[in-house]
Amino acid sequence: MDDHRDDQYEETELEEQKNTDPGETEEKKDDSSGDYEDVCFICRRPESKAGKMFRLPNHICVCDDCMHKTMDTVSQFDYQGLLNNPNMSDLNSGKGFPNISFVNLADLRGDGGIPNKQKPKKKKKETKAEIDIRDIMPPHKIKQKLDEYVVGQDHAKKVMSVAVYNHYKRVATGTMDEIEIEKSNMLMIGPTGCGKTYLVKTLARLLDVPLAIADATSLTEAGYIGDDIESVVSKLLAAADNDVERAERGIIFIDEIDKIAKKKNTNARDVSGESVQQGMLKLLEGAEVEVPVGANSKNAMVPLATVNTRNILFICGGAFPDLDEIIKQRLKKKTSIGYSAELKDKYDKEKNILNRVTVEDIRKFGMIPEFIGRLPVIFTLEGLSRDMLVKILGEPRNAILKQYQKLLELDEVELIFDQGALEAIADKAMEKETGARALRAIIEDFMLDIMYEVPKDDNIGRVTITREYIEGNGGPIIDIRSRSAEHPDHLREVQQS
């Protein structure tokens, strides 16, 4: 009797093991696996993006999408019932081929092979709740934070702070007394190197929202070589870790927007100009767009996600070269003859001529009216002056000089720039006419020898950069540790000079 009971117990245990859901075993294996995840053998997407994998022999993993698309393709060529014939070796009946068998997909789900470990798993971020209107930073605090990183451009920072504040109030409330609030997309105009991209990056970091920076020069009309217009939304989805809800509250910055202006005096098809502007109208207004997940372009092997752009803030920026000439031509039309007449050369020497820009000037530049109408907030940034360049060198929280001072501080060396050196660097940057980007190139050039020589000598305690060194008439002042300790008066004289 006891032997009979033992046999029954073993049989029930075997039946329970057979009836175990393969998905449960797979989840256990996934939990027990290390810090790596499976990668699809066909589309090369990791398991975090493609979902659960089919495990084939020889440790090959195939995602659900690729496997089903492959089987759908094979099923279209069902020669003489090959796939549906249970007896695969019956050649006399004309159905089947010898030594051919098809794999059951359900069995592959529970395959106990070693996973194909190629990519480390990404830690999932905690999903935040919807935006609370009480947590939105007011405009004056947004501007205060921007002041810590960006020098000058007070008008631009004020406009951006108010526009962003109103936008996220709109996202948080949706409607206010059944009044639908429209989106406040922005168009910023300013010369190169004045801080357009840096302002947007700083703003997104302060608000802790996903940011995608796209370049309009690579965008083309659908069907042509280049990036599709929807690729800007796919970049935002990637920045949000493929979280659609988080991406729908993000910011898209499209740089070099002036490069998609209408081509003038040409009979060729304008695939990267006016047609791109027309294709972007639905994105700016708000529409549901299908974008590829984990890829830049649409193809048969990549799944698509639907993203609604209604609550995505679009910021467009560009240098708009020669726009100042269009503004001057419009202003010169007002000149007349007489004692109170304005001279024709009155506006030639005006530095911030872009502040007088109107929608008519932008339309004449080559932007279509429908596109401009969907960017209601238009503002300009000032060109950087000599005093602003001097402040940019040392005042912001992550200023260029502070970066070099931190690098030399790791070598226990103090780096000092006197006021004359800062002014000389600003003068050289003004000559290059590339804005704040020139500052880094100039300092890199003069700091090369210092960064190379200082680690050689442990006795160097302080390096002072002077105007004479920047202008090529002398060298930096180097103080030795022992001498600075014995003669503090000498150090005081160096600091004063």
Protein backbone atom coordinates (compact mmCIF):
# COMPACT_ATOMS: atom_id res chain seq x y z
CA MET A 1 0.00 0.00 0.00
CA ASP A 2 2.79 2.40 0.83
CA ASP A 3 4.51 1.75 -2.47
CA HIS A 4 1.26 2.48 -4.29
CA ARG A 5 0.87 5.83 -2.47
CA ASP A 6 4.46 6.81 -3.33
CA ASP A 7 3.83 6.06 -7.00
CA GLN A 8 0.67 8.21 -6.97
CA TYR A 9 2.57 11.09 -5.31
CA GLU A 10 5.32 10.95 -7.93
CA GLU A 11 2.74 10.91 -10.77
CA THR A 12 0.89 14.00 -9.43
CA GLU A 13 4.21 15.83 -8.96
CA LEU A 14 5.16 15.10 -12.59
CA GLU A 15 1.77 16.34 -13.79
CA GLU A 16 2.18 19.59 -11.82
CA GLN A 17 5.61 20.14 -13.41
CA LYS A 18 4.09 19.56 -16.89
CA ASN A 19 1.22 21.97 -16.26
CA THR A 20 3.51 24.71 -15.04
CA ASP A 21 3.14 27.85 -17.15
CA PRO A 22 6.30 28.38 -19.24
CA GLY A 23 5.95 32.13 -18.71
CA GLU A 24 6.30 31.64 -14.94
CA THR A 25 9.55 29.73 -15.32
CA GLU A 26 10.83 32.36 -17.68
CA GLU A 27 10.06 35.13 -15.21
CA LYS A 28 11.95 33.24 -12.54
CA LYS A 29 14.91 32.86 -14.86
CA ASP A 30 14.80 36.52 -15.71
CA ASP A 31 14.82 37.44 -12.05
CA SER A 32 17.70 35.10 -11.33
CA SER A 33 19.76 36.25 -14.29
CA GLY A 34 22.45 38.82 -13.74
CA ASP A 35 22.70 42.40 -14.88
CA TYR A 36 22.42 41.53 -18.57
CA GLU A 37 19.42 41.10 -20.84
CA ASP A 38 18.68 39.17 -24.01
CA VAL A 39 19.09 40.77 -27.44
CA CYS A 40 17.05 39.81 -30.50
CA PHE A 41 19.14 37.96 -33.09
CA ILE A 42 17.32 39.69 -36.00
CA CYS A 43 16.50 43.30 -35.06
CA ARG A 44 19.19 43.62 -32.31
CA ARG A 45 16.81 45.21 -29.82
CA PRO A 46 17.24 44.38 -26.12
CA GLU A 47 14.52 42.65 -24.11
CA SER A 48 13.59 45.89 -22.32
CA LYS A 49 12.42 47.38 -25.64
CA ALA A 50 11.26 44.32 -27.60
CA GLY A 51 9.52 42.35 -24.84
CA LYS A 52 9.92 38.68 -23.97
CA MET A 53 12.09 36.56 -26.25
CA PHE A 54 11.79 33.16 -27.94
CA ARG A 55 14.85 31.09 -27.07
CA LEU A 56 16.13 28.91 -29.91
CA PRO A 57 18.93 26.33 -29.81
CA ASN A 58 22.55 27.54 -29.75
CA HIS A 59 21.50 30.32 -27.35
CA ILE A 60 19.76 32.36 -30.06
CA CYS A 61 17.00 34.73 -28.95
CA VAL A 62 14.32 36.18 -31.24
CA CYS A 63 11.76 38.78 -30.17
CA ASP A 64 8.03 38.27 -30.49
CA ASP A 65 7.64 40.72 -33.40
CA CYS A 66 10.40 39.21 -35.54
CA MET A 67 9.27 35.64 -34.87
CA HIS A 68 5.65 36.26 -35.80
CA LYS A 69 6.57 38.26 -38.90
CA THR A 70 8.84 35.42 -39.99
CA MET A 71 6.13 32.81 -39.44
CA ASP A 72 3.57 34.98 -41.26
CA THR A 73 5.91 35.19 -44.23
CA VAL A 74 6.47 31.43 -44.25
CA SER A 75 2.74 30.71 -43.97
CA GLN A 76 2.09 32.55 -47.24
CA PHE A 77 3.93 29.75 -49.09
CA ASP A 78 2.11 26.71 -47.70
CA TYR A 79 3.02 24.30 -50.50
CA GLN A 80 0.52 21.41 -50.64
CA GLY A 81 -0.39 21.73 -46.97
CA LEU A 82 3.19 21.47 -45.76
CA LEU A 83 2.57 23.44 -42.59
CA ASN A 84 -0.79 21.85 -41.77
CA ASN A 85 0.11 18.22 -42.47
CA PRO A 86 0.76 16.32 -39.23
CA ASN A 87 2.52 13.50 -41.07
CA MET A 88 5.57 15.29 -42.47
CA SER A 89 7.20 12.17 -43.92
CA ASP A 90 4.33 11.03 -46.16
CA LEU A 91 5.85 11.64 -49.58
CA ASN A 92 3.50 9.25 -51.40
CA SER A 93 0.54 11.49 -50.58
CA GLY A 94 2.39 14.51 -51.96
CA LYS A 95 2.20 16.26 -48.61
CA GLY A 96 5.41 16.96 -46.72
CA PHE A 97 9.13 16.39 -46.96
CA PRO A 98 11.34 13.93 -45.07
CA ASN A 99 13.33 15.01 -42.01
CA ILE A 100 11.54 18.39 -41.78
CA SER A 101 9.78 19.48 -38.61
CA PHE A 102 8.43 22.79 -37.40
CA VAL A 103 8.99 24.14 -33.94
CA ASN A 104 6.13 24.86 -31.57
CA LEU A 105 6.44 28.51 -30.51
CA ALA A 106 4.90 27.81 -27.12
CA ASP A 107 7.65 25.30 -26.37
CA LEU A 108 10.32 27.89 -27.11
CA ARG A 109 8.87 30.17 -24.46
CA GLY A 110 9.87 27.73 -21.80
CA ASP A 111 13.26 26.76 -23.22
CA GLY A 112 15.78 26.55 -20.46
CA GLY A 113 18.79 27.55 -22.51
CA ILE A 114 21.32 30.05 -21.26
CA PRO A 115 20.18 33.55 -22.23
CA ASN A 116 22.14 35.49 -24.82
CA LYS A 117 23.79 38.02 -22.49
CA GLN A 118 25.00 40.97 -24.50
CA LYS A 119 23.59 44.19 -23.10
CA PRO A 120 23.39 45.35 -19.49
CA LYS A 121 19.91 45.94 -18.18
CA LYS A 122 18.76 49.50 -17.66
CA LYS A 123 17.32 50.31 -14.28
CA LYS A 124 13.73 51.39 -14.66
CA LYS A 125 13.06 54.88 -13.43
CA GLU A 126 10.19 55.45 -11.11
CA THR A 127 7.25 56.81 -13.04
CA LYS A 128 6.24 60.20 -11.72
CA ALA A 129 2.68 61.23 -11.22
CA GLU A 130 1.05 63.85 -13.36
CA ILE A 131 2.26 67.43 -13.05
CA ASP A 132 0.87 69.24 -10.03
CA ILE A 133 0.18 72.94 -10.63
CA ARG A 134 1.57 73.74 -7.17
CA ASP A 135 4.92 72.17 -8.07
CA ILE A 136 5.43 74.31 -11.18
CA MET A 137 8.24 76.82 -10.73
CA PRO A 138 6.98 80.44 -11.14
CA PRO A 139 8.53 82.64 -13.85
CA HIS A 140 10.70 84.77 -11.54
CA LYS A 141 12.30 81.66 -10.01
CA ILE A 142 12.90 80.14 -13.45
CA LYS A 143 14.69 83.34 -14.50
CA GLN A 144 16.75 83.36 -11.28
CA LYS A 145 17.95 79.83 -12.03
CA LEU A 146 18.75 80.75 -15.63
CA ASP A 147 20.75 83.79 -14.38
CA GLU A 148 23.12 81.40 -12.59
CA TYR A 149 24.12 79.77 -15.87
CA VAL A 150 23.51 82.34 -18.64
CA VAL A 151 24.94 85.88 -18.72
CA GLY A 152 22.76 88.66 -20.12
CA GLN A 153 19.82 87.99 -22.47
CA ASP A 154 17.38 89.23 -19.81
CA HIS A 155 14.53 89.75 -22.27
CA ALA A 156 14.91 86.26 -23.76
CA LYS A 157 15.02 84.62 -20.32
CA LYS A 158 11.94 86.54 -19.23
CA VAL A 159 9.98 85.51 -22.34
CA MET A 160 11.02 81.86 -22.02
CA SER A 161 10.18 81.73 -18.30
CA VAL A 162 6.63 83.04 -18.84
CA ALA A 163 6.01 80.84 -21.90
CA VAL A 164 7.20 77.67 -20.15
CA TYR A 165 5.23 78.49 -17.00
CA ASN A 166 2.01 79.02 -18.98
CA HIS A 167 2.63 75.86 -21.01
CA TYR A 168 2.99 73.57 -17.99
CA LYS A 169 -0.01 75.20 -16.30
CA ARG A 170 -1.88 74.22 -19.46
CA VAL A 171 -0.55 70.65 -19.25
CA ALA A 172 -1.45 70.38 -15.55
CA THR A 173 -5.01 71.70 -15.84
CA GLY A 174 -5.99 70.70 -19.38
CA THR A 175 -8.94 73.07 -19.43
CA MET A 176 -9.84 76.02 -17.26
CA ASP A 177 -13.60 76.63 -16.98
CA GLU A 178 -14.03 74.78 -20.27
CA ILE A 179 -11.69 77.26 -21.99
CA GLU A 180 -8.98 75.43 -23.91
CA ILE A 181 -5.59 77.07 -23.58
CA GLU A 182 -3.48 77.01 -26.71
CA LYS A 183 0.14 75.98 -26.84
CA SER A 184 2.86 78.65 -26.65
CA ASN A 185 5.51 77.39 -29.07
CA MET A 186 8.55 79.66 -29.37
CA LEU A 187 10.80 80.97 -32.13
CA MET A 188 14.12 82.43 -30.98
CA ILE A 189 16.28 84.45 -33.34
CA GLY A 190 19.86 85.40 -32.58
CA PRO A 191 23.39 85.40 -34.00
CA THR A 192 25.61 82.35 -33.69
CA GLY A 193 27.17 81.75 -30.29
CA CYS A 194 24.72 83.92 -28.32
CA GLY A 195 23.39 81.03 -26.21
CA LYS A 196 20.21 79.75 -27.92
CA THR A 197 20.92 76.03 -27.47
CA TYR A 198 22.48 76.55 -24.03
CA LEU A 199 19.36 78.36 -22.80
CA VAL A 200 17.10 75.47 -23.83
CA LYS A 201 19.42 72.82 -22.33
CA THR A 202 19.56 74.70 -19.03
CA LEU A 203 15.79 75.17 -19.02
CA ALA A 204 15.09 71.46 -19.56
CA ARG A 205 17.55 70.53 -16.81
CA LEU A 206 15.87 72.89 -14.34
CA LEU A 207 12.37 71.60 -15.13
CA ASP A 208 13.47 67.92 -15.15
CA VAL A 209 11.60 67.10 -18.36
CA PRO A 210 12.84 65.07 -21.34
CA LEU A 211 14.51 67.17 -24.01
CA ALA A 212 15.24 66.31 -27.64
CA ILE A 213 17.51 68.51 -29.74
CA ALA A 214 17.06 68.05 -33.47
CA ASP A 215 18.79 69.68 -36.42
CA ALA A 216 16.52 70.97 -39.16
CA THR A 217 19.24 70.67 -41.81
CA SER A 218 18.82 66.87 -42.00
CA LEU A 219 15.01 66.92 -42.32
CA THR A 220 13.51 66.15 -45.74
CA GLU A 221 10.12 65.51 -47.23
CA ALA A 222 8.72 61.99 -46.76
CA GLY A 223 10.09 59.57 -49.35
CA TYR A 224 13.49 61.22 -49.77
CA ILE A 225 16.89 60.41 -48.31
CA GLY A 226 17.29 62.05 -44.90
CA ASP A 227 15.38 62.14 -41.63
CA ASP A 228 11.60 62.14 -41.71
CA ILE A 229 9.83 64.92 -39.89
CA GLU A 230 8.55 62.46 -37.26
CA SER A 231 12.16 61.62 -36.30
CA VAL A 232 12.22 64.64 -33.97
CA VAL A 233 9.44 63.01 -31.93
CA SER A 234 11.27 59.65 -31.90
CA LYS A 235 14.32 61.40 -30.39
CA LEU A 236 12.12 62.77 -27.63
CA LEU A 237 10.68 59.29 -27.02
CA ALA A 238 14.21 57.90 -26.71
CA ALA A 239 15.13 60.70 -24.28
CA ALA A 240 12.12 59.71 -22.15
CA ASP A 241 13.27 56.04 -22.03
CA ASN A 242 10.40 55.04 -24.37
CA ASP A 243 7.84 56.26 -21.83
CA VAL A 244 5.09 57.71 -24.03
CA GLU A 245 3.32 59.59 -21.23
CA ARG A 246 6.54 61.26 -20.09
CA ALA A 247 7.52 62.10 -23.67
CA GLU A 248 4.16 63.82 -24.25
CA ARG A 249 5.16 66.41 -21.61
CA GLY A 250 8.65 67.07 -22.96
CA ILE A 251 10.40 69.78 -24.94
CA ILE A 252 11.64 69.55 -28.54
CA PHE A 253 14.25 72.07 -29.65
CA ILE A 254 14.69 72.29 -33.42
CA ASP A 255 17.93 74.10 -34.16
CA GLU A 256 18.95 75.73 -37.44
CA ILE A 257 15.28 76.31 -38.29
CA ASP A 258 16.30 78.99 -40.79
CA LYS A 259 17.81 76.27 -43.02
CA ILE A 260 14.34 75.05 -44.05
CA ALA A 261 13.37 78.40 -45.56
CA LYS A 262 11.97 78.43 -49.07
CA LYS A 263 14.61 78.27 -51.77
CA LYS A 264 14.64 81.39 -53.91
CA ASN A 265 15.09 81.57 -57.69
CA THR A 266 15.06 77.84 -58.29
CA ASN A 267 12.89 75.53 -60.37
CA ALA A 268 14.03 72.30 -58.66
CA ARG A 269 11.81 70.46 -56.18
CA ASP A 270 12.30 71.91 -52.71
CA VAL A 271 12.44 68.71 -50.61
CA SER A 272 14.22 70.26 -47.62
CA GLY A 273 12.60 73.70 -47.52
CA GLU A 274 8.96 74.64 -47.83
CA SER A 275 7.78 71.02 -47.88
CA VAL A 276 9.42 70.40 -44.49
CA GLN A 277 7.67 73.45 -43.07
CA GLN A 278 4.33 72.13 -44.31
CA GLY A 279 5.04 68.70 -42.85
CA MET A 280 5.82 70.21 -39.45
CA LEU A 281 2.50 72.04 -39.20
CA LYS A 282 0.67 69.05 -37.72
CA LEU A 283 3.43 68.48 -35.16
CA LEU A 284 3.39 72.08 -33.94
CA GLU A 285 -0.40 72.22 -33.77
CA GLY A 286 -0.84 68.87 -32.03
CA ALA A 287 -1.50 65.50 -33.64
CA GLU A 288 -1.07 61.79 -33.00
CA VAL A 289 2.12 60.64 -34.69
CA GLU A 290 3.37 57.08 -35.12
CA VAL A 291 7.08 56.91 -34.34
CA PRO A 292 9.45 53.89 -34.25
CA VAL A 293 10.50 52.58 -30.84
CA GLY A 294 14.23 52.07 -30.41
CA ALA A 295 15.10 53.18 -33.95
CA ASN A 296 15.41 56.35 -36.00
CA SER A 297 13.49 55.26 -39.10
CA LYS A 298 10.39 53.20 -39.77
CA ASN A 299 10.82 49.67 -41.10
CA ALA A 300 8.98 46.38 -40.98
CA MET A 301 10.93 44.98 -38.04
CA VAL A 302 10.48 47.90 -35.60
CA PRO A 303 7.22 48.40 -33.67
CA LEU A 304 5.56 51.83 -33.70
CA ALA A 305 4.29 53.88 -30.79
CA THR A 306 1.62 56.58 -31.02
CA VAL A 307 2.66 59.90 -29.47
CA ASN A 308 0.31 62.87 -29.12
CA THR A 309 2.18 66.15 -29.66
CA ARG A 310 -0.59 68.31 -28.18
CA ASN A 311 1.30 68.91 -24.90
CA ILE A 312 4.85 68.88 -26.32
CA LEU A 313 6.49 72.31 -26.24
CA PHE A 314 8.31 73.14 -29.48
CA ILE A 315 11.14 75.69 -29.41
CA CYS A 316 12.67 76.64 -32.76
CA GLY A 317 15.92 78.57 -33.03
CA GLY A 318 18.08 79.89 -35.79
CA ALA A 319 20.66 82.53 -36.66
CA PHE A 320 18.69 83.75 -39.72
CA PRO A 321 21.66 85.23 -41.60
CA ASP A 322 20.93 88.27 -43.77
CA LEU A 323 17.68 88.86 -41.88
CA ASP A 324 19.18 92.17 -40.71
CA GLU A 325 19.41 93.30 -44.33
CA ILE A 326 15.69 92.56 -44.82
CA ILE A 327 14.89 94.60 -41.70
CA LYS A 328 17.04 97.52 -42.91
CA GLN A 329 15.33 97.52 -46.30
CA ARG A 330 11.93 97.75 -44.60
CA LEU A 331 13.06 100.55 -42.29
CA LYS A 332 14.71 102.54 -45.07
CA LYS A 333 11.41 102.78 -46.91
CA LYS A 334 10.29 105.23 -44.23
CA THR A 335 13.04 107.72 -45.10
CA SER A 336 11.96 110.93 -46.81
CA ILE A 337 13.26 114.35 -47.83
CA GLY A 338 13.27 117.37 -45.51
CA TYR A 339 14.62 118.62 -42.19
CA SER A 340 12.90 115.87 -40.14
CA ALA A 341 13.79 113.09 -42.59
CA GLU A 342 15.72 110.01 -41.41
CA LEU A 343 19.03 109.29 -43.09
CA LYS A 344 19.41 106.09 -45.12
CA ASP A 345 22.52 105.03 -43.19
CA LYS A 346 20.83 105.53 -39.81
CA TYR A 347 20.34 101.77 -39.27
CA ASP A 348 23.63 100.58 -40.78
CA LYS A 349 25.58 100.86 -37.52
CA GLU A 350 22.80 99.65 -35.20
CA LYS A 351 24.05 96.56 -33.37
CA ASN A 352 20.81 94.94 -32.21
CA ILE A 353 18.88 95.46 -35.42
CA LEU A 354 17.23 92.04 -34.96
CA ASN A 355 15.14 93.49 -32.11
CA ARG A 356 13.08 95.30 -34.76
CA VAL A 357 12.08 92.06 -36.51
CA THR A 358 8.44 91.51 -37.50
CA VAL A 359 6.48 88.59 -38.86
CA GLU A 360 6.62 90.19 -42.29
CA ASP A 361 10.45 90.10 -42.22
CA ILE A 362 10.47 86.41 -41.30
CA ARG A 363 7.98 85.66 -44.09
CA LYS A 364 10.16 87.51 -46.58
CA PHE A 365 13.13 85.47 -45.37
CA GLY A 366 11.38 82.31 -46.59
CA MET A 367 9.17 80.98 -43.80
CA ILE A 368 5.56 80.29 -44.81
CA PRO A 369 2.77 82.14 -42.91
CA GLU A 370 1.18 78.89 -41.64
CA PHE A 371 4.47 77.91 -40.00
CA ILE A 372 5.03 81.31 -38.38
CA GLY A 373 1.44 81.36 -37.11
CA ARG A 374 2.07 78.19 -35.08
CA LEU A 375 5.01 79.85 -33.29
CA PRO A 376 3.22 82.67 -31.46
CA VAL A 377 6.09 83.62 -29.13
CA ILE A 378 8.84 85.25 -31.21
CA PHE A 379 11.83 86.89 -29.51
CA THR A 380 15.42 87.76 -30.29
CA LEU A 381 18.73 87.36 -28.49
CA GLU A 382 21.36 90.07 -28.41
CA GLY A 383 24.77 89.71 -29.95
CA LEU A 384 27.45 89.35 -27.29
CA SER A 385 29.40 92.50 -26.41
CA ARG A 386 32.92 92.71 -25.01
CA ASP A 387 31.69 93.19 -21.43
CA MET A 388 29.32 90.22 -21.75
CA LEU A 389 32.17 88.00 -22.96
CA VAL A 390 34.27 89.01 -19.93
CA LYS A 391 31.40 88.06 -17.63
CA ILE A 392 30.84 84.76 -19.46
CA LEU A 393 34.45 83.80 -18.75
CA GLY A 394 34.11 83.87 -14.96
CA GLU A 395 30.59 84.52 -13.64
CA PRO A 396 28.34 81.52 -14.55
CA ARG A 397 28.24 78.49 -12.28
CA ASN A 398 30.11 76.33 -14.79
CA ALA A 399 32.21 79.09 -16.37
CA ILE A 400 35.21 78.19 -18.54
CA LEU A 401 37.74 79.65 -16.10
CA LYS A 402 36.21 77.75 -13.19
CA GLN A 403 36.61 74.53 -15.16
CA TYR A 404 40.34 75.10 -15.67
CA GLN A 405 40.77 76.21 -12.08
CA LYS A 406 39.17 72.94 -10.96
CA LEU A 407 41.44 70.92 -13.26
CA LEU A 408 44.59 72.53 -11.84
CA GLU A 409 43.22 72.33 -8.32
CA LEU A 410 43.34 68.55 -8.67
CA ASP A 411 47.11 69.01 -9.15
CA GLU A 412 47.16 71.30 -6.06
CA VAL A 413 47.93 74.34 -8.20
CA GLU A 414 46.07 77.66 -7.98
CA LEU A 415 45.13 79.31 -11.30
CA ILE A 416 44.48 83.07 -11.46
CA PHE A 417 43.40 85.21 -14.41
CA ASP A 418 43.95 88.94 -13.97
CA GLN A 419 41.46 91.45 -15.37
CA GLY A 420 43.74 92.44 -18.24
CA ALA A 421 43.93 88.81 -19.41
CA LEU A 422 40.14 88.50 -19.43
CA GLU A 423 39.79 91.66 -21.52
CA ALA A 424 42.45 90.48 -23.97
CA ILE A 425 40.64 87.13 -24.41
CA ALA A 426 37.34 88.95 -25.00
CA ASP A 427 38.97 91.17 -27.63
CA LYS A 428 40.29 88.15 -29.52
CA ALA A 429 36.85 86.51 -29.34
CA MET A 430 35.19 89.62 -30.78
CA GLU A 431 37.51 89.44 -33.78
CA LYS A 432 36.43 85.88 -34.61
CA GLU A 433 32.71 86.84 -34.63
CA THR A 434 31.56 83.40 -33.49
CA GLY A 435 30.17 84.45 -30.11
CA ALA A 436 30.91 82.57 -26.90
CA ARG A 437 32.19 79.53 -28.83
CA ALA A 438 35.39 81.45 -29.59
CA LEU A 439 36.26 81.76 -25.88
CA ARG A 440 36.85 78.05 -25.42
CA ALA A 441 39.10 77.82 -28.49
CA ILE A 442 41.21 80.78 -27.39
CA ILE A 443 41.69 79.53 -23.83
CA GLU A 444 42.46 76.00 -25.02
CA ASP A 445 45.26 77.45 -27.15
CA PHE A 446 46.88 79.46 -24.33
CA MET A 447 46.38 76.84 -21.63
CA LEU A 448 47.96 74.00 -23.63
CA ASP A 449 51.55 74.62 -22.53
CA ILE A 450 50.51 75.30 -18.94
CA MET A 451 48.45 72.11 -18.66
CA TYR A 452 51.40 70.20 -20.15
CA GLU A 453 54.18 71.67 -18.00
CA VAL A 454 52.50 72.03 -14.60
CA PRO A 455 52.23 68.27 -13.79
CA LYS A 456 56.00 67.93 -14.41
CA ASP A 457 57.00 70.07 -11.41
CA ASP A 458 55.47 69.42 -7.99
CA ASN A 459 56.94 72.67 -6.65
CA ILE A 460 54.61 74.91 -8.69
CA GLY A 461 51.97 76.37 -6.39
CA ARG A 462 50.35 79.16 -8.42
CA VAL A 463 50.02 80.20 -12.05
CA THR A 464 48.84 83.71 -12.97
CA ILE A 465 47.70 84.45 -16.54
CA THR A 466 48.44 88.05 -17.58
CA ARG A 467 47.51 90.28 -20.49
CA GLU A 468 51.11 90.12 -21.77
CA TYR A 469 50.86 86.32 -22.06
CA ILE A 470 47.56 86.50 -24.00
CA GLU A 471 48.92 89.18 -26.34
CA GLY A 472 52.18 87.25 -26.90
CA ASN A 473 54.49 89.78 -25.20
CA GLY A 474 55.43 87.68 -22.17
CA GLY A 475 54.70 84.56 -20.18
CA PRO A 476 52.56 83.55 -17.21
CA ILE A 477 53.72 84.29 -13.64
CA ILE A 478 54.63 81.02 -11.90
CA ASP A 479 55.09 80.91 -8.12
CA ILE A 480 57.04 78.11 -6.45
CA ARG A 481 55.66 76.66 -3.23
CA SER A 482 58.83 77.08 -1.14
CA ARG A 483 59.36 80.69 -2.25
CA SER A 484 55.72 81.58 -1.64
CA ALA A 485 55.98 80.19 1.87
CA GLU A 486 59.19 82.11 2.68
CA HIS A 487 58.24 85.40 1.00
CA PRO A 488 54.56 86.19 1.45
CA ASP A 489 55.23 89.81 0.46
CA HIS A 490 56.30 88.67 -3.00
CA LEU A 491 52.96 86.90 -3.46
CA ARG A 492 51.15 90.07 -2.45
CA GLU A 493 53.04 92.03 -5.10
CA VAL A 494 52.19 89.44 -7.78
CA GLN A 495 48.49 89.57 -6.91
CA GLN A 496 48.46 93.37 -7.11
CA SER A 497 50.25 93.38 -10.47
